[in-house]
């Protein structure tokens, strides 16, 4: 008898909305304290400066507001676990407008305030079950304006935790001592979504991936583990996992630096990552 199909993970819509709002607020507070010299620093995202990146973070929420304003697309659309791979594949080909956004809004705090206010108004009036034209993950060179498919609003909001947590980490990496906090619910949702995307991208039960305290998934074709200690185990912390899944850290470097524990002949995930460049 084939194994039962695993039920998709669900997220509490109210908690996700709160997490997205809170993490955006965390970033706003961090950006507000940056000096002109810090805003001019380079980032690990190609030729983006910290100012470019800080302006770009607002698109994580603005893309929700714009999608709500658009006519509802025809469904069905992308599932949550399909979004990372679909969005990552699409992002590189989207025309970028981040530099224009940063240039047009020299007062970053005012940009953050307008974005947050518009997001709150649109969200308050929107049904979480309606379909949106979801946009790609928008890294360097991605303007975030070309939809990758239709998504339910409540699901699309979960993807915003990925955008916000990943770019929070990018900002913290670029500015020594910045240390913008990671809201726990947002970090958990980001970690779980990217772990579930790996399991969907490489289905199977041969390898167990552990990301305490937020996620455990099984993936990779091969003998399915049923009891006792799995023969193939990968374990890491949430931020290392997120960096691996988004191409900020290579598998080889993570293993060499002991940021990942990997045991078993099917525990090498290097060929499956990143999921979302």
C-alpha atoms as a PDB file:
ATOM      1  CA  UNK A   1       0.000   0.000   0.000  1.00  0.00           C
ATOM      2  CA  UNK A   2       1.467   3.421  -0.933  1.00  0.00           C
ATOM      3  CA  UNK A   3       2.128   5.833   1.931  1.00  0.00           C
ATOM      4  CA  UNK A   4      -0.645   8.253   2.791  1.00  0.00           C
ATOM      5  CA  UNK A   5      -0.308  11.649   1.206  1.00  0.00           C
ATOM      6  CA  UNK A   6       0.988  14.176   3.705  1.00  0.00           C
ATOM      7  CA  UNK A   7      -1.459  16.932   4.558  1.00  0.00           C
ATOM      8  CA  UNK A   8      -0.276  20.421   3.710  1.00  0.00           C
ATOM      9  CA  UNK A   9       0.866  22.558   6.607  1.00  0.00           C
ATOM     10  CA  UNK A  10      -1.531  25.300   7.623  1.00  0.00           C
ATOM     11  CA  UNK A  11      -0.848  28.696   9.150  1.00  0.00           C
ATOM     12  CA  UNK A  12      -2.985  30.846  11.419  1.00  0.00           C
ATOM     13  CA  UNK A  13      -3.945  33.869   9.272  1.00  0.00           C
ATOM     14  CA  UNK A  14      -4.173  36.269  12.216  1.00  0.00           C
ATOM     15  CA  UNK A  15      -0.732  35.287  13.487  1.00  0.00           C
ATOM     16  CA  UNK A  16       0.799  35.600  10.036  1.00  0.00           C
ATOM     17  CA  UNK A  17      -0.705  39.055   9.537  1.00  0.00           C
ATOM     18  CA  UNK A  18       0.649  40.096  12.907  1.00  0.00           C
ATOM     19  CA  UNK A  19       4.062  38.602  12.153  1.00  0.00           C
ATOM     20  CA  UNK A  20       4.362  40.369   8.806  1.00  0.00           C
ATOM     21  CA  UNK A  21       3.398  43.699  10.341  1.00  0.00           C
ATOM     22  CA  UNK A  22       5.758  43.209  13.289  1.00  0.00           C
ATOM     23  CA  UNK A  23       8.758  42.238  11.158  1.00  0.00           C
ATOM     24  CA  UNK A  24       8.193  45.175   8.831  1.00  0.00           C
ATOM     25  CA  UNK A  25       8.157  47.366  11.932  1.00  0.00           C
ATOM     26  CA  UNK A  26      11.428  45.812  13.115  1.00  0.00           C
ATOM     27  CA  UNK A  27      13.084  46.635   9.807  1.00  0.00           C
ATOM     28  CA  UNK A  28      11.681  50.168   9.837  1.00  0.00           C
ATOM     29  CA  UNK A  29      13.175  50.781  13.273  1.00  0.00           C
ATOM     30  CA  UNK A  30      16.550  49.478  12.144  1.00  0.00           C
ATOM     31  CA  UNK A  31      16.572  51.499   8.926  1.00  0.00           C
ATOM     32  CA  UNK A  32      15.524  54.653  10.785  1.00  0.00           C
ATOM     33  CA  UNK A  33      18.774  54.528  12.788  1.00  0.00           C
ATOM     34  CA  UNK A  34      21.110  54.154   9.801  1.00  0.00           C
ATOM     35  CA  UNK A  35      23.547  56.949   8.992  1.00  0.00           C
ATOM     36  CA  UNK A  36      24.214  58.196   5.442  1.00  0.00           C
ATOM     37  CA  UNK A  37      27.538  56.329   5.502  1.00  0.00           C
ATOM     38  CA  UNK A  38      25.814  53.089   6.495  1.00  0.00           C
ATOM     39  CA  UNK A  39      23.142  53.528   3.817  1.00  0.00           C
ATOM     40  CA  UNK A  40      25.933  53.776   1.238  1.00  0.00           C
ATOM     41  CA  UNK A  41      27.510  50.463   2.261  1.00  0.00           C
ATOM     42  CA  UNK A  42      27.480  47.541  -0.203  1.00  0.00           C
ATOM     43  CA  UNK A  43      25.349  44.451   0.391  1.00  0.00           C
ATOM     44  CA  UNK A  44      25.752  40.803  -0.576  1.00  0.00           C
ATOM     45  CA  UNK A  45      23.094  41.351  -3.268  1.00  0.00           C
ATOM     46  CA  UNK A  46      25.113  42.266  -6.324  1.00  0.00           C
ATOM     47  CA  UNK A  47      25.544  46.023  -6.696  1.00  0.00           C
ATOM     48  CA  UNK A  48      22.749  47.001  -4.317  1.00  0.00           C
ATOM     49  CA  UNK A  49      23.624  49.433  -1.544  1.00  0.00           C
ATOM     50  CA  UNK A  50      22.024  49.324   1.885  1.00  0.00           C
ATOM     51  CA  UNK A  51      19.782  52.207   0.786  1.00  0.00           C
ATOM     52  CA  UNK A  52      18.645  50.229  -2.257  1.00  0.00           C
ATOM     53  CA  UNK A  53      17.921  47.192  -0.119  1.00  0.00           C
ATOM     54  CA  UNK A  54      16.138  49.197   2.562  1.00  0.00           C
ATOM     55  CA  UNK A  55      13.868  50.784  -0.040  1.00  0.00           C
ATOM     56  CA  UNK A  56      13.270  47.433  -1.653  1.00  0.00           C
ATOM     57  CA  UNK A  57      12.018  45.854   1.589  1.00  0.00           C
ATOM     58  CA  UNK A  58       8.895  48.001   1.306  1.00  0.00           C
ATOM     59  CA  UNK A  59       7.872  46.069  -1.821  1.00  0.00           C
ATOM     60  CA  UNK A  60       7.230  43.002   0.357  1.00  0.00           C
ATOM     61  CA  UNK A  61       4.110  44.770   1.635  1.00  0.00           C
ATOM     62  CA  UNK A  62       3.437  47.039  -1.319  1.00  0.00           C
ATOM     63  CA  UNK A  63       3.097  44.048  -3.633  1.00  0.00           C
ATOM     64  CA  UNK A  64       0.267  42.797  -1.419  1.00  0.00           C
ATOM     65  CA  UNK A  65      -1.506  46.156  -1.571  1.00  0.00           C
ATOM     66  CA  UNK A  66      -1.129  46.347  -5.344  1.00  0.00           C
ATOM     67  CA  UNK A  67      -2.328  42.774  -5.792  1.00  0.00           C
ATOM     68  CA  UNK A  68      -5.443  43.484  -3.726  1.00  0.00           C
ATOM     69  CA  UNK A  69      -6.143  46.507  -5.935  1.00  0.00           C
ATOM     70  CA  UNK A  70      -5.988  44.398  -9.085  1.00  0.00           C
ATOM     71  CA  UNK A  71      -8.880  42.405 -10.473  1.00  0.00           C
ATOM     72  CA  UNK A  72      -9.064  38.948  -8.947  1.00  0.00           C
ATOM     73  CA  UNK A  73      -7.356  36.445 -11.305  1.00  0.00           C
ATOM     74  CA  UNK A  74      -8.783  33.133 -12.388  1.00  0.00           C
ATOM     75  CA  UNK A  75      -7.858  30.128 -10.250  1.00  0.00           C
ATOM     76  CA  UNK A  76      -6.708  27.698  -9.182  1.00  0.00           C
ATOM     77  CA  UNK A  77      -3.241  29.027  -8.524  1.00  0.00           C
ATOM     78  CA  UNK A  78       0.042  28.225  -6.832  1.00  0.00           C
ATOM     79  CA  UNK A  79       0.146  26.387  -3.557  1.00  0.00           C
ATOM     80  CA  UNK A  80       2.407  27.674  -0.822  1.00  0.00           C
ATOM     81  CA  UNK A  81       5.081  25.019  -1.354  1.00  0.00           C
ATOM     82  CA  UNK A  82       5.165  25.749  -5.086  1.00  0.00           C
ATOM     83  CA  UNK A  83       5.856  29.463  -4.604  1.00  0.00           C
ATOM     84  CA  UNK A  84       9.583  29.379  -3.694  1.00  0.00           C
ATOM     85  CA  UNK A  85      10.730  27.403  -6.733  1.00  0.00           C
ATOM     86  CA  UNK A  86       8.318  29.139  -9.136  1.00  0.00           C
ATOM     87  CA  UNK A  87       9.169  32.591  -7.821  1.00  0.00           C
ATOM     88  CA  UNK A  88      12.909  31.970  -7.705  1.00  0.00           C
ATOM     89  CA  UNK A  89      12.954  30.791 -11.309  1.00  0.00           C
ATOM     90  CA  UNK A  90      11.055  33.879 -12.401  1.00  0.00           C
ATOM     91  CA  UNK A  91      12.807  36.598 -10.404  1.00  0.00           C
ATOM     92  CA  UNK A  92      15.982  36.863 -12.472  1.00  0.00           C
ATOM     93  CA  UNK A  93      14.044  37.788 -15.605  1.00  0.00           C
ATOM     94  CA  UNK A  94      11.967  40.617 -14.119  1.00  0.00           C
ATOM     95  CA  UNK A  95      12.984  44.203 -14.863  1.00  0.00           C
ATOM     96  CA  UNK A  96      14.405  45.907 -11.788  1.00  0.00           C
ATOM     97  CA  UNK A  97      13.200  49.219 -10.371  1.00  0.00           C
ATOM     98  CA  UNK A  98      14.853  49.178  -6.953  1.00  0.00           C
ATOM     99  CA  UNK A  99      17.307  51.980  -7.712  1.00  0.00           C
ATOM    100  CA  UNK A 100      14.472  54.175  -8.958  1.00  0.00           C
ATOM    101  CA  UNK A 101      12.462  53.434  -5.838  1.00  0.00           C
ATOM    102  CA  UNK A 102      15.388  54.406  -3.607  1.00  0.00           C
ATOM    103  CA  UNK A 103      16.123  57.538  -5.653  1.00  0.00           C
ATOM    104  CA  UNK A 104      12.481  58.639  -5.671  1.00  0.00           C
ATOM    105  CA  UNK A 105      12.139  58.255  -1.895  1.00  0.00           C
ATOM    106  CA  UNK A 106      15.109  59.880  -0.131  1.00  0.00           C
ATOM    107  CA  UNK A 107      13.078  59.893   3.115  1.00  0.00           C
ATOM    108  CA  UNK A 108      13.020  56.163   3.785  1.00  0.00           C
ATOM    109  CA  UNK A 109      11.041  56.442   7.009  1.00  0.00           C
ATOM    110  CA  UNK A 110       8.271  58.293   5.177  1.00  0.00           C
ATOM    111  CA  UNK A 111       8.259  55.531   2.539  1.00  0.00           C
ATOM    112  CA  UNK A 112       7.958  52.896   5.269  1.00  0.00           C
ATOM    113  CA  UNK A 113       5.146  54.837   6.964  1.00  0.00           C
ATOM    114  CA  UNK A 114       3.120  55.179   3.746  1.00  0.00           C
ATOM    115  CA  UNK A 115       3.689  51.526   2.862  1.00  0.00           C
ATOM    116  CA  UNK A 116       2.596  50.290   6.292  1.00  0.00           C
ATOM    117  CA  UNK A 117      -0.498  52.507   6.340  1.00  0.00           C
ATOM    118  CA  UNK A 118      -1.609  51.455   2.853  1.00  0.00           C
ATOM    119  CA  UNK A 119      -0.977  47.782   3.666  1.00  0.00           C
ATOM    120  CA  UNK A 120      -3.054  47.981   6.844  1.00  0.00           C
ATOM    121  CA  UNK A 121      -5.966  49.639   5.026  1.00  0.00           C
ATOM    122  CA  UNK A 122      -5.977  47.182   2.139  1.00  0.00           C
ATOM    123  CA  UNK A 123      -5.663  44.180   4.427  1.00  0.00           C
ATOM    124  CA  UNK A 124      -8.477  45.312   6.720  1.00  0.00           C
ATOM    125  CA  UNK A 125     -10.914  45.313   3.804  1.00  0.00           C
ATOM    126  CA  UNK A 126      -9.720  42.135   2.059  1.00  0.00           C
ATOM    127  CA  UNK A 127     -11.048  38.584   2.326  1.00  0.00           C
ATOM    128  CA  UNK A 128      -8.175  36.233   3.135  1.00  0.00           C
ATOM    129  CA  UNK A 129      -9.639  33.637   0.756  1.00  0.00           C
ATOM    130  CA  UNK A 130      -9.583  35.814  -2.355  1.00  0.00           C
ATOM    131  CA  UNK A 131      -7.054  35.140  -5.102  1.00  0.00           C
ATOM    132  CA  UNK A 132      -4.207  37.516  -5.859  1.00  0.00           C
ATOM    133  CA  UNK A 133      -1.790  37.719  -8.758  1.00  0.00           C
ATOM    134  CA  UNK A 134       1.268  36.688  -6.745  1.00  0.00           C
ATOM    135  CA  UNK A 135       4.629  38.208  -7.619  1.00  0.00           C
ATOM    136  CA  UNK A 136       8.055  36.557  -7.567  1.00  0.00           C
ATOM    137  CA  UNK A 137      10.599  36.698  -4.815  1.00  0.00           C
ATOM    138  CA  UNK A 138      12.327  39.884  -5.806  1.00  0.00           C
ATOM    139  CA  UNK A 139      16.069  39.837  -5.482  1.00  0.00           C
ATOM    140  CA  UNK A 140      18.531  42.032  -7.372  1.00  0.00           C
ATOM    141  CA  UNK A 141      17.232  42.787 -10.836  1.00  0.00           C
ATOM    142  CA  UNK A 142      13.664  41.844  -9.938  1.00  0.00           C
ATOM    143  CA  UNK A 143      11.094  44.572  -9.837  1.00  0.00           C
ATOM    144  CA  UNK A 144       8.442  42.294  -8.421  1.00  0.00           C
ATOM    145  CA  UNK A 145       5.752  43.386 -10.887  1.00  0.00           C
ATOM    146  CA  UNK A 146       5.261  40.234 -12.984  1.00  0.00           C
ATOM    147  CA  UNK A 147       2.960  37.654 -11.381  1.00  0.00           C
ATOM    148  CA  UNK A 148       4.104  34.051 -11.120  1.00  0.00           C
ATOM    149  CA  UNK A 149       0.544  32.839 -10.676  1.00  0.00           C
ATOM    150  CA  UNK A 150      -2.558  33.250  -8.574  1.00  0.00           C
ATOM    151  CA  UNK A 151      -2.381  32.681  -4.817  1.00  0.00           C
ATOM    152  CA  UNK A 152      -4.882  32.941  -1.997  1.00  0.00           C
ATOM    153  CA  UNK A 153      -4.229  36.124   0.001  1.00  0.00           C
ATOM    154  CA  UNK A 154      -3.666  34.267   3.278  1.00  0.00           C
ATOM    155  CA  UNK A 155      -1.064  32.075   1.559  1.00  0.00           C
ATOM    156  CA  UNK A 156       0.623  34.999  -0.158  1.00  0.00           C
ATOM    157  CA  UNK A 157       1.012  36.672   3.223  1.00  0.00           C
ATOM    158  CA  UNK A 158       3.005  33.650   4.407  1.00  0.00           C
ATOM    159  CA  UNK A 159       5.433  34.260   1.543  1.00  0.00           C
ATOM    160  CA  UNK A 160       5.919  37.790   2.871  1.00  0.00           C
ATOM    161  CA  UNK A 161       7.614  36.321   5.925  1.00  0.00           C
ATOM    162  CA  UNK A 162      10.242  34.895   3.571  1.00  0.00           C
ATOM    163  CA  UNK A 163      10.806  38.259   1.901  1.00  0.00           C
ATOM    164  CA  UNK A 164      11.047  40.097   5.211  1.00  0.00           C
ATOM    165  CA  UNK A 165      13.188  37.615   7.123  1.00  0.00           C
ATOM    166  CA  UNK A 166      15.605  37.070   4.229  1.00  0.00           C
ATOM    167  CA  UNK A 167      16.089  40.787   3.649  1.00  0.00           C
ATOM    168  CA  UNK A 168      16.353  41.471   7.381  1.00  0.00           C
ATOM    169  CA  UNK A 169      19.262  39.032   7.361  1.00  0.00           C
ATOM    170  CA  UNK A 170      20.731  40.769   4.300  1.00  0.00           C
ATOM    171  CA  UNK A 171      20.621  44.120   6.097  1.00  0.00           C
ATOM    172  CA  UNK A 172      22.150  42.696   9.266  1.00  0.00           C
ATOM    173  CA  UNK A 173      24.952  41.151   7.211  1.00  0.00           C
ATOM    174  CA  UNK A 174      25.653  44.445   5.440  1.00  0.00           C
ATOM    175  CA  UNK A 175      25.785  46.768   8.439  1.00  0.00           C
ATOM    176  CA  UNK A 176      28.040  45.720  11.330  1.00  0.00           C
ATOM    177  CA  UNK A 177      26.189  45.914  14.626  1.00  0.00           C
ATOM    178  CA  UNK A 178      22.767  46.610  13.097  1.00  0.00           C
ATOM    179  CA  UNK A 179      21.103  43.524  14.601  1.00  0.00           C
ATOM    180  CA  UNK A 180      17.490  44.000  13.477  1.00  0.00           C
ATOM    181  CA  UNK A 181      15.488  41.403  15.456  1.00  0.00           C
ATOM    182  CA  UNK A 182      13.705  38.481  13.808  1.00  0.00           C
ATOM    183  CA  UNK A 183      10.090  38.258  14.948  1.00  0.00           C
ATOM    184  CA  UNK A 184       9.622  34.668  16.133  1.00  0.00           C
ATOM    185  CA  UNK A 185       6.405  33.915  14.260  1.00  0.00           C
ATOM    186  CA  UNK A 186       7.823  35.340  11.018  1.00  0.00           C
ATOM    187  CA  UNK A 187      11.065  33.378  11.413  1.00  0.00           C
ATOM    188  CA  UNK A 188       9.119  30.176  12.096  1.00  0.00           C
ATOM    189  CA  UNK A 189       6.853  30.604   9.056  1.00  0.00           C
ATOM    190  CA  UNK A 190       9.786  31.412   6.779  1.00  0.00           C
ATOM    191  CA  UNK A 191      11.721  28.372   7.997  1.00  0.00           C
ATOM    192  CA  UNK A 192       8.749  26.025   7.638  1.00  0.00           C
ATOM    193  CA  UNK A 193       7.743  27.225   4.184  1.00  0.00           C
ATOM    194  CA  UNK A 194      11.252  26.761   2.792  1.00  0.00           C
ATOM    195  CA  UNK A 195      11.565  23.336   4.466  1.00  0.00           C
ATOM    196  CA  UNK A 196       8.232  22.218   3.029  1.00  0.00           C
ATOM    197  CA  UNK A 197       9.282  23.519  -0.384  1.00  0.00           C
ATOM    198  CA  UNK A 198      12.369  21.294  -0.229  1.00  0.00           C
ATOM    199  CA  UNK A 199      10.200  18.283   0.622  1.00  0.00           C
ATOM    200  CA  UNK A 200       7.907  19.073  -2.308  1.00  0.00           C
ATOM    201  CA  UNK A 201      10.831  19.698  -4.691  1.00  0.00           C
ATOM    202  CA  UNK A 202      12.621  16.467  -3.719  1.00  0.00           C
ATOM    203  CA  UNK A 203       9.864  14.133  -2.517  1.00  0.00           C
ATOM    204  CA  UNK A 204      10.744  11.000  -0.614  1.00  0.00           C
ATOM    205  CA  UNK A 205      11.442   9.671   2.842  1.00  0.00           C
ATOM    206  CA  UNK A 206      15.118   8.749   2.777  1.00  0.00           C
ATOM    207  CA  UNK A 207      16.467  11.909   4.423  1.00  0.00           C
ATOM    208  CA  UNK A 208      15.218  13.750   7.473  1.00  0.00           C
ATOM    209  CA  UNK A 209      15.924  17.470   7.646  1.00  0.00           C
ATOM    210  CA  UNK A 210      15.723  18.935  11.124  1.00  0.00           C
ATOM    211  CA  UNK A 211      15.601  22.687  11.752  1.00  0.00           C
ATOM    212  CA  UNK A 212      14.863  23.031  15.453  1.00  0.00           C
ATOM    213  CA  UNK A 213      12.712  24.380  16.913  1.00  0.00           C
ATOM    214  CA  UNK A 214      10.551  25.032  13.857  1.00  0.00           C
ATOM    215  CA  UNK A 215      10.564  22.242  11.304  1.00  0.00           C
ATOM    216  CA  UNK A 216      11.274  18.596  10.531  1.00  0.00           C
ATOM    217  CA  UNK A 217      10.670  17.288   7.013  1.00  0.00           C
ATOM    218  CA  UNK A 218      11.493  14.144   5.073  1.00  0.00           C
ATOM    219  CA  UNK A 219      12.693  14.302   1.489  1.00  0.00           C
ATOM    220  CA  UNK A 220      14.833  12.570  -1.185  1.00  0.00           C
ATOM    221  CA  UNK A 221      13.944   9.307  -2.897  1.00  0.00           C
ATOM    222  CA  UNK A 222      15.162   6.106  -1.308  1.00  0.00           C
ATOM    223  CA  UNK A 223      14.324   3.697   1.503  1.00  0.00           C
ATOM    224  CA  UNK A 224      11.697   5.253   3.753  1.00  0.00           C
ATOM    225  CA  UNK A 225      12.554   5.513   7.426  1.00  0.00           C
ATOM    226  CA  UNK A 226       9.849   4.175   9.778  1.00  0.00           C
ATOM    227  CA  UNK A 227      11.320   3.950  13.298  1.00  0.00           C
ATOM    228  CA  UNK A 228      14.468   4.565  15.289  1.00  0.00           C
ATOM    229  CA  UNK A 229      17.230   6.912  14.195  1.00  0.00           C
ATOM    230  CA  UNK A 230      16.975   7.785  10.483  1.00  0.00           C
ATOM    231  CA  UNK A 231      19.980   6.657   8.401  1.00  0.00           C
ATOM    232  CA  UNK A 232      20.238  10.059   6.671  1.00  0.00           C
ATOM    233  CA  UNK A 233      19.917  13.163   8.804  1.00  0.00           C
ATOM    234  CA  UNK A 234      20.564  16.838   8.161  1.00  0.00           C
ATOM    235  CA  UNK A 235      20.323  19.309  11.028  1.00  0.00           C
ATOM    236  CA  UNK A 236      20.906  23.040  11.184  1.00  0.00           C
ATOM    237  CA  UNK A 237      19.566  26.223  12.759  1.00  0.00           C
ATOM    238  CA  UNK A 238      16.829  28.379  11.182  1.00  0.00           C
ATOM    239  CA  UNK A 239      18.997  31.221   9.856  1.00  0.00           C
ATOM    240  CA  UNK A 240      21.571  28.851   8.365  1.00  0.00           C
ATOM    241  CA  UNK A 241      18.760  26.942   6.680  1.00  0.00           C
ATOM    242  CA  UNK A 242      17.251  30.132   5.277  1.00  0.00           C
ATOM    243  CA  UNK A 243      20.649  31.226   3.941  1.00  0.00           C
ATOM    244  CA  UNK A 244      21.126  27.835   2.297  1.00  0.00           C
ATOM    245  CA  UNK A 245      17.641  27.797   0.798  1.00  0.00           C
ATOM    246  CA  UNK A 246      18.057  31.293  -0.665  1.00  0.00           C
ATOM    247  CA  UNK A 247      21.623  30.995  -1.928  1.00  0.00           C
ATOM    248  CA  UNK A 248      23.210  33.270   0.688  1.00  0.00           C
ATOM    249  CA  UNK A 249      25.357  30.364   1.874  1.00  0.00           C
ATOM    250  CA  UNK A 250      26.673  27.386  -0.077  1.00  0.00           C
ATOM    251  CA  UNK A 251      26.186  23.835   1.127  1.00  0.00           C
ATOM    252  CA  UNK A 252      29.922  23.169   1.003  1.00  0.00           C
ATOM    253  CA  UNK A 253      30.731  26.227   3.128  1.00  0.00           C
ATOM    254  CA  UNK A 254      28.011  25.417   5.654  1.00  0.00           C
ATOM    255  CA  UNK A 255      29.320  21.881   6.111  1.00  0.00           C
ATOM    256  CA  UNK A 256      32.951  23.021   6.260  1.00  0.00           C
ATOM    257  CA  UNK A 257      32.106  25.611   8.922  1.00  0.00           C
ATOM    258  CA  UNK A 258      30.082  23.068  10.932  1.00  0.00           C
ATOM    259  CA  UNK A 259      26.919  25.112  10.486  1.00  0.00           C
ATOM    260  CA  UNK A 260      25.226  21.953   9.180  1.00  0.00           C
ATOM    261  CA  UNK A 261      25.388  18.423  10.528  1.00  0.00           C
ATOM    262  CA  UNK A 262      24.884  15.857   7.746  1.00  0.00           C
ATOM    263  CA  UNK A 263      25.142  12.093   8.163  1.00  0.00           C
ATOM    264  CA  UNK A 264      24.298   9.322   5.711  1.00  0.00           C
ATOM    265  CA  UNK A 265      24.865   8.695   2.013  1.00  0.00           C
ATOM    266  CA  UNK A 266      21.727  10.640   1.060  1.00  0.00           C
ATOM    267  CA  UNK A 267      22.354  13.597   3.376  1.00  0.00           C
ATOM    268  CA  UNK A 268      24.112  15.820   0.824  1.00  0.00           C
ATOM    269  CA  UNK A 269      21.578  18.485  -0.174  1.00  0.00           C
ATOM    270  CA  UNK A 270      24.036  20.537  -2.194  1.00  0.00           C
ATOM    271  CA  UNK A 271      22.465  19.551  -5.487  1.00  0.00           C
ATOM    272  CA  UNK A 272      18.984  20.600  -4.342  1.00  0.00           C
ATOM    273  CA  UNK A 273      19.835  24.061  -3.041  1.00  0.00           C
ATOM    274  CA  UNK A 274      19.194  26.927  -3.323  1.00  0.00           C
ATOM    275  CA  UNK A 275      15.448  26.770  -3.730  1.00  0.00           C
ATOM    276  CA  UNK A 276      14.959  30.511  -3.970  1.00  0.00           C
ATOM    277  CA  UNK A 277      17.968  32.464  -5.271  1.00  0.00           C
END
